[in-house]
Amino acid sequence: MSTITRAHLAETIYAQVGLSRNESASLLETVLGRMSAALEAGESVKISGFGTFSVRQKGRRIGRNPKTGVEVPILPRRVLVFRPSQVLKAHVNHVIPPVGVGEDE
């Protein structure tokens, strides 16, 4: 099992699109930067056939320290949520989705 890195992605862009290595890396950084900026602004990022990234607000709640059992407040925060498309789920599970399913995701 391996991890896909920015370098791997940039190299794939270089190999498949035909841009120079510097242009490929720059394109990747631009795309990731735009995605990050949209998420920071509270917008969703939808990649057709892959899934949707969105930010969700979690409220204040009481948690418990598992070692001591002492209750501690957990402050409100924003969390990143990824919801995979039906197409991605089908690829992961090696299933061919019915025609028309997940095409708009």
Protein backbone atom coordinates (compact mmCIF):
# COMPACT_ATOMS: atom_id res chain seq x y z
CA MET A 1 0.00 0.00 0.00
CA SER A 2 1.41 3.39 -0.94
CA THR A 3 0.47 7.01 -0.49
CA ILE A 4 -0.22 9.32 -3.40
CA THR A 5 1.84 12.47 -2.94
CA ARG A 6 1.83 15.85 -4.65
CA ALA A 7 4.98 14.76 -6.46
CA HIS A 8 3.20 11.64 -7.79
CA LEU A 9 0.25 13.71 -8.94
CA ALA A 10 2.49 16.31 -10.62
CA GLU A 11 4.43 13.53 -12.36
CA THR A 12 1.16 12.00 -13.60
CA ILE A 13 0.07 15.37 -15.00
CA TYR A 14 3.48 15.68 -16.68
CA ALA A 15 3.23 12.20 -18.22
CA GLN A 16 -0.39 12.36 -19.36
CA VAL A 17 -0.99 16.01 -20.24
CA GLY A 18 2.35 16.89 -21.72
CA LEU A 19 3.11 20.01 -19.70
CA SER A 20 6.62 20.54 -18.41
CA ARG A 21 7.40 19.25 -14.91
CA ASN A 22 7.35 22.82 -13.54
CA GLU A 23 4.06 23.61 -15.29
CA SER A 24 2.55 20.36 -14.02
CA ALA A 25 3.57 21.13 -10.43
CA SER A 26 2.27 24.69 -10.78
CA LEU A 27 -1.07 23.46 -12.17
CA LEU A 28 -1.46 21.01 -9.29
CA GLU A 29 -0.66 23.69 -6.70
CA THR A 30 -3.17 26.06 -8.34
CA VAL A 31 -5.94 23.45 -8.24
CA LEU A 32 -5.22 22.47 -4.63
CA GLY A 33 -4.99 26.13 -3.64
CA ARG A 34 -8.36 26.93 -5.19
CA MET A 35 -9.93 23.93 -3.46
CA SER A 36 -8.44 24.97 -0.10
CA ALA A 37 -9.58 28.58 -0.50
CA ALA A 38 -13.14 27.48 -1.35
CA LEU A 39 -13.28 25.20 1.69
CA GLU A 40 -11.86 27.92 3.96
CA ALA A 41 -14.64 30.21 2.70
CA GLY A 42 -17.22 27.56 3.68
CA GLU A 43 -18.01 26.51 0.10
CA SER A 44 -18.32 22.91 -1.08
CA VAL A 45 -15.98 21.47 -3.68
CA LYS A 46 -17.59 18.91 -5.98
CA ILE A 47 -15.49 16.76 -8.31
CA SER A 48 -17.74 14.91 -10.72
CA GLY A 49 -17.34 11.15 -10.51
CA PHE A 50 -15.19 11.45 -7.37
CA GLY A 51 -17.08 13.16 -4.55
CA THR A 52 -17.80 16.31 -2.60
CA PHE A 53 -15.66 18.03 0.02
CA SER A 54 -17.53 20.32 2.41
CA VAL A 55 -17.08 22.03 5.77
CA ARG A 56 -19.45 21.29 8.62
CA GLN A 57 -19.82 23.24 11.86
CA LYS A 58 -19.73 21.14 15.02
CA GLY A 59 -21.20 22.61 18.16
CA ARG A 60 -19.84 22.76 21.69
CA ARG A 61 -20.15 19.53 23.62
CA ILE A 62 -18.87 17.76 26.68
CA GLY A 63 -16.25 15.06 26.20
CA ARG A 64 -14.54 12.73 28.62
CA ASN A 65 -10.85 12.06 29.14
CA PRO A 66 -10.59 8.30 28.55
CA LYS A 67 -7.75 7.86 31.07
CA THR A 68 -9.18 9.81 33.99
CA GLY A 69 -12.90 9.95 33.20
CA VAL A 70 -12.89 13.71 33.83
CA GLU A 71 -15.41 15.65 31.74
CA VAL A 72 -13.94 18.40 29.56
CA PRO A 73 -15.63 20.87 27.22
CA ILE A 74 -14.95 20.43 23.50
CA LEU A 75 -15.12 23.80 21.78
CA PRO A 76 -17.13 24.43 18.60
CA ARG A 77 -15.13 23.86 15.44
CA ARG A 78 -15.36 23.36 11.71
CA VAL A 79 -14.59 19.93 10.30
CA LEU A 80 -13.85 18.80 6.75
CA VAL A 81 -16.24 16.18 5.39
CA PHE A 82 -15.79 14.08 2.24
CA ARG A 83 -18.74 12.36 0.63
CA PRO A 84 -17.73 9.95 -2.16
CA SER A 85 -19.77 9.74 -5.35
CA GLN A 86 -21.61 6.60 -6.38
CA VAL A 87 -19.05 6.17 -9.18
CA LEU A 88 -16.13 6.19 -6.72
CA LYS A 89 -17.94 3.81 -4.37
CA ALA A 90 -18.53 1.44 -7.30
CA HIS A 91 -14.84 1.56 -8.31
CA VAL A 92 -13.71 0.88 -4.73
CA ASN A 93 -16.10 -2.06 -4.44
CA HIS A 94 -15.37 -3.33 -7.99
CA VAL A 95 -19.03 -2.96 -8.95
CA ILE A 96 -20.30 -1.54 -12.23
CA PRO A 97 -23.04 0.99 -11.38
CA PRO A 98 -26.29 0.97 -13.36
CA VAL A 99 -26.38 3.38 -16.30
CA GLY A 100 -27.20 6.91 -15.13
CA VAL A 101 -26.29 6.37 -11.46
CA GLY A 102 -23.82 8.87 -10.06
CA GLU A 103 -23.18 10.63 -13.35
CA ASP A 104 -24.02 14.03 -11.87
CA GLU A 105 -21.83 13.56 -8.79
